[in-house]
Amino acid sequence: MDKELQTQEDLLHTDYIYMVNNDKLIIRMNAELDHHLAEEMRAVIDEIIDERGVKHIVFDFTRVDFMDSAGIGLIMGRYKKIRNMGDITIIGVRESVRRILLISGLHKIVNIYELKGEGEIQ
């Protein structure tokens, strides 16, 4: 396989991508949200909040089937960092992740929207 094709394939397998639009950070995860991914994302998100003045964070969970306690910690920590100036929204939540968000109590402090056709929780 040539080097250019390999590089393109590596880009297709990234664990998450993000975009900043004014004061909004949108993050789409492409992998399970476990301690490995949460640790990496924590540093990136905090740097973006501090350097770009982000006040609203949108996590897109459309491709996430699993989240452990590190994912809860990631969301909770970012909530504490921006709660006095903004908010967090989680979209595309699947049933398996929805249960974790409900049990953890995160549904009380962030906006949560399930996958289309599965309803909405608040």
C-alpha atoms as a PDB file:
ATOM      1  CA  MET A   1       0.000   0.000   0.000  1.00  0.00           C
ATOM      2  CA  ASP A   2       1.475   3.365  -0.920  1.00  0.00           C
ATOM      3  CA  LYS A   3       2.160   5.969   1.739  1.00  0.00           C
ATOM      4  CA  GLU A   4      -0.532   8.463   0.615  1.00  0.00           C
ATOM      5  CA  LEU A   5      -3.276   5.832   0.707  1.00  0.00           C
ATOM      6  CA  GLN A   6      -2.117   4.666   4.157  1.00  0.00           C
ATOM      7  CA  THR A   7      -2.261   8.253   5.466  1.00  0.00           C
ATOM      8  CA  GLN A   8      -5.809   8.672   4.143  1.00  0.00           C
ATOM      9  CA  GLU A   9      -6.882   5.445   5.839  1.00  0.00           C
ATOM     10  CA  ASP A  10      -5.330   6.590   9.126  1.00  0.00           C
ATOM     11  CA  LEU A  11      -7.389   9.773   8.943  1.00  0.00           C
ATOM     12  CA  LEU A  12     -10.549   7.737   8.463  1.00  0.00           C
ATOM     13  CA  HIS A  13      -9.865   5.845  11.689  1.00  0.00           C
ATOM     14  CA  THR A  14      -9.422   8.775  14.063  1.00  0.00           C
ATOM     15  CA  ASP A  15     -11.219   8.390  17.388  1.00  0.00           C
ATOM     16  CA  TYR A  16     -12.792  11.843  17.255  1.00  0.00           C
ATOM     17  CA  ILE A  17     -12.946  15.013  15.215  1.00  0.00           C
ATOM     18  CA  TYR A  18     -13.848  18.501  16.352  1.00  0.00           C
ATOM     19  CA  MET A  19     -14.796  21.869  14.981  1.00  0.00           C
ATOM     20  CA  VAL A  20     -14.955  25.272  16.647  1.00  0.00           C
ATOM     21  CA  ASN A  21     -17.550  27.740  15.396  1.00  0.00           C
ATOM     22  CA  ASN A  22     -17.513  31.065  17.259  1.00  0.00           C
ATOM     23  CA  ASP A  23     -18.004  30.062  20.926  1.00  0.00           C
ATOM     24  CA  LYS A  24     -19.230  26.520  20.184  1.00  0.00           C
ATOM     25  CA  LEU A  25     -17.102  23.366  20.156  1.00  0.00           C
ATOM     26  CA  ILE A  26     -18.602  20.378  18.351  1.00  0.00           C
ATOM     27  CA  ILE A  27     -16.973  16.988  18.912  1.00  0.00           C
ATOM     28  CA  ARG A  28     -17.921  13.823  17.023  1.00  0.00           C
ATOM     29  CA  MET A  29     -16.563  10.661  18.544  1.00  0.00           C
ATOM     30  CA  ASN A  30     -15.887   7.683  16.336  1.00  0.00           C
ATOM     31  CA  ALA A  31     -14.947   5.193  19.053  1.00  0.00           C
ATOM     32  CA  GLU A  32     -15.914   3.938  22.496  1.00  0.00           C
ATOM     33  CA  LEU A  33     -15.504   6.609  25.150  1.00  0.00           C
ATOM     34  CA  ASP A  34     -13.162   4.850  27.558  1.00  0.00           C
ATOM     35  CA  HIS A  35     -10.278   6.050  29.733  1.00  0.00           C
ATOM     36  CA  HIS A  36      -7.797   6.116  26.807  1.00  0.00           C
ATOM     37  CA  LEU A  37      -9.938   8.391  24.660  1.00  0.00           C
ATOM     38  CA  ALA A  38     -11.237  10.466  27.601  1.00  0.00           C
ATOM     39  CA  GLU A  39      -7.718  11.332  28.766  1.00  0.00           C
ATOM     40  CA  GLU A  40      -6.675  12.541  25.325  1.00  0.00           C
ATOM     41  CA  MET A  41      -9.903  14.486  24.775  1.00  0.00           C
ATOM     42  CA  ARG A  42      -9.729  16.156  28.184  1.00  0.00           C
ATOM     43  CA  ALA A  43      -6.471  17.910  27.334  1.00  0.00           C
ATOM     44  CA  VAL A  44      -7.602  18.942  23.851  1.00  0.00           C
ATOM     45  CA  ILE A  45     -10.988  20.259  24.996  1.00  0.00           C
ATOM     46  CA  ASP A  46      -9.555  22.231  27.922  1.00  0.00           C
ATOM     47  CA  GLU A  47      -6.987  23.854  25.654  1.00  0.00           C
ATOM     48  CA  ILE A  48      -9.697  24.838  23.155  1.00  0.00           C
ATOM     49  CA  ILE A  49     -11.921  26.257  25.919  1.00  0.00           C
ATOM     50  CA  ASP A  50      -9.057  28.357  27.268  1.00  0.00           C
ATOM     51  CA  GLU A  51      -7.626  29.535  23.947  1.00  0.00           C
ATOM     52  CA  ARG A  52     -10.773  29.993  21.858  1.00  0.00           C
ATOM     53  CA  GLY A  53     -13.314  31.169  24.454  1.00  0.00           C
ATOM     54  CA  VAL A  54     -15.671  28.243  23.976  1.00  0.00           C
ATOM     55  CA  LYS A  55     -18.899  28.509  25.986  1.00  0.00           C
ATOM     56  CA  HIS A  56     -20.973  25.729  24.419  1.00  0.00           C
ATOM     57  CA  ILE A  57     -19.855  22.140  23.891  1.00  0.00           C
ATOM     58  CA  VAL A  58     -21.756  19.648  21.754  1.00  0.00           C
ATOM     59  CA  PHE A  59     -20.733  15.990  22.004  1.00  0.00           C
ATOM     60  CA  ASP A  60     -22.000  13.862  19.107  1.00  0.00           C
ATOM     61  CA  PHE A  61     -22.419  10.286  20.387  1.00  0.00           C
ATOM     62  CA  THR A  62     -23.992   8.940  17.180  1.00  0.00           C
ATOM     63  CA  ARG A  63     -21.169   6.415  16.732  1.00  0.00           C
ATOM     64  CA  VAL A  64     -20.634   5.590  20.415  1.00  0.00           C
ATOM     65  CA  ASP A  65     -21.991   2.314  21.789  1.00  0.00           C
ATOM     66  CA  PHE A  66     -19.989   2.253  25.023  1.00  0.00           C
ATOM     67  CA  MET A  67     -18.925   4.773  27.641  1.00  0.00           C
ATOM     68  CA  ASP A  68     -17.278   3.989  30.974  1.00  0.00           C
ATOM     69  CA  SER A  69     -16.762   6.104  34.107  1.00  0.00           C
ATOM     70  CA  ALA A  70     -13.930   7.999  32.410  1.00  0.00           C
ATOM     71  CA  GLY A  71     -16.480   9.306  29.898  1.00  0.00           C
ATOM     72  CA  ILE A  72     -18.696  10.470  32.745  1.00  0.00           C
ATOM     73  CA  GLY A  73     -15.676  12.201  34.263  1.00  0.00           C
ATOM     74  CA  LEU A  74     -14.812  13.844  30.955  1.00  0.00           C
ATOM     75  CA  ILE A  75     -18.287  15.309  30.587  1.00  0.00           C
ATOM     76  CA  MET A  76     -18.568  16.297  34.268  1.00  0.00           C
ATOM     77  CA  GLY A  77     -15.184  18.023  34.231  1.00  0.00           C
ATOM     78  CA  ARG A  78     -15.995  20.042  31.130  1.00  0.00           C
ATOM     79  CA  TYR A  79     -19.379  20.947  32.643  1.00  0.00           C
ATOM     80  CA  LYS A  80     -17.646  22.301  35.763  1.00  0.00           C
ATOM     81  CA  LYS A  81     -15.233  24.271  33.596  1.00  0.00           C
ATOM     82  CA  ILE A  82     -17.932  26.099  31.584  1.00  0.00           C
ATOM     83  CA  ARG A  83     -21.070  25.937  33.754  1.00  0.00           C
ATOM     84  CA  ASN A  84     -20.943  29.621  34.745  1.00  0.00           C
ATOM     85  CA  MET A  85     -20.684  30.800  31.143  1.00  0.00           C
ATOM     86  CA  GLY A  86     -22.219  28.137  28.916  1.00  0.00           C
ATOM     87  CA  ASP A  87     -23.623  24.638  28.560  1.00  0.00           C
ATOM     88  CA  ILE A  88     -23.070  21.115  27.286  1.00  0.00           C
ATOM     89  CA  THR A  89     -25.283  19.214  24.890  1.00  0.00           C
ATOM     90  CA  ILE A  90     -24.997  15.536  24.009  1.00  0.00           C
ATOM     91  CA  ILE A  91     -26.641  14.432  20.769  1.00  0.00           C
ATOM     92  CA  GLY A  92     -27.117  11.086  19.049  1.00  0.00           C
ATOM     93  CA  VAL A  93     -27.321   9.085  22.276  1.00  0.00           C
ATOM     94  CA  ARG A  94     -27.898   5.344  21.910  1.00  0.00           C
ATOM     95  CA  GLU A  95     -29.812   3.325  24.495  1.00  0.00           C
ATOM     96  CA  SER A  96     -26.666   1.785  26.019  1.00  0.00           C
ATOM     97  CA  VAL A  97     -25.135   5.219  26.667  1.00  0.00           C
ATOM     98  CA  ARG A  98     -28.472   6.780  27.679  1.00  0.00           C
ATOM     99  CA  ARG A  99     -28.712   4.403  30.637  1.00  0.00           C
ATOM    100  CA  ILE A 100     -25.256   5.447  31.831  1.00  0.00           C
ATOM    101  CA  LEU A 101     -26.161   9.138  31.514  1.00  0.00           C
ATOM    102  CA  LEU A 102     -29.345   8.578  33.527  1.00  0.00           C
ATOM    103  CA  ILE A 103     -27.719   6.481  36.259  1.00  0.00           C
ATOM    104  CA  SER A 104     -24.843   8.946  36.623  1.00  0.00           C
ATOM    105  CA  GLY A 105     -27.208  11.914  36.926  1.00  0.00           C
ATOM    106  CA  LEU A 106     -25.626  13.750  34.000  1.00  0.00           C
ATOM    107  CA  HIS A 107     -29.077  14.138  32.448  1.00  0.00           C
ATOM    108  CA  LYS A 108     -29.785  16.734  35.154  1.00  0.00           C
ATOM    109  CA  ILE A 109     -26.952  19.066  34.131  1.00  0.00           C
ATOM    110  CA  VAL A 110     -26.514  18.599  30.369  1.00  0.00           C
ATOM    111  CA  ASN A 111     -28.923  18.623  27.432  1.00  0.00           C
ATOM    112  CA  ILE A 112     -29.314  15.108  26.014  1.00  0.00           C
ATOM    113  CA  TYR A 113     -30.898  14.157  22.699  1.00  0.00           C
ATOM    114  CA  GLU A 114     -31.222  10.535  21.630  1.00  0.00           C
ATOM    115  CA  LEU A 115     -30.823   9.178  18.116  1.00  0.00           C
ATOM    116  CA  LYS A 116     -33.660  10.154  15.804  1.00  0.00           C
ATOM    117  CA  GLY A 117     -36.627   7.879  16.354  1.00  0.00           C
ATOM    118  CA  GLU A 118     -35.624   6.974  19.908  1.00  0.00           C
ATOM    119  CA  GLY A 119     -37.165  10.009  21.623  1.00  0.00           C
ATOM    120  CA  GLU A 120     -35.659  12.723  23.738  1.00  0.00           C
ATOM    121  CA  ILE A 121     -34.749  12.895  27.403  1.00  0.00           C
ATOM    122  CA  GLN A 122     -34.164  15.952  29.541  1.00  0.00           C
END
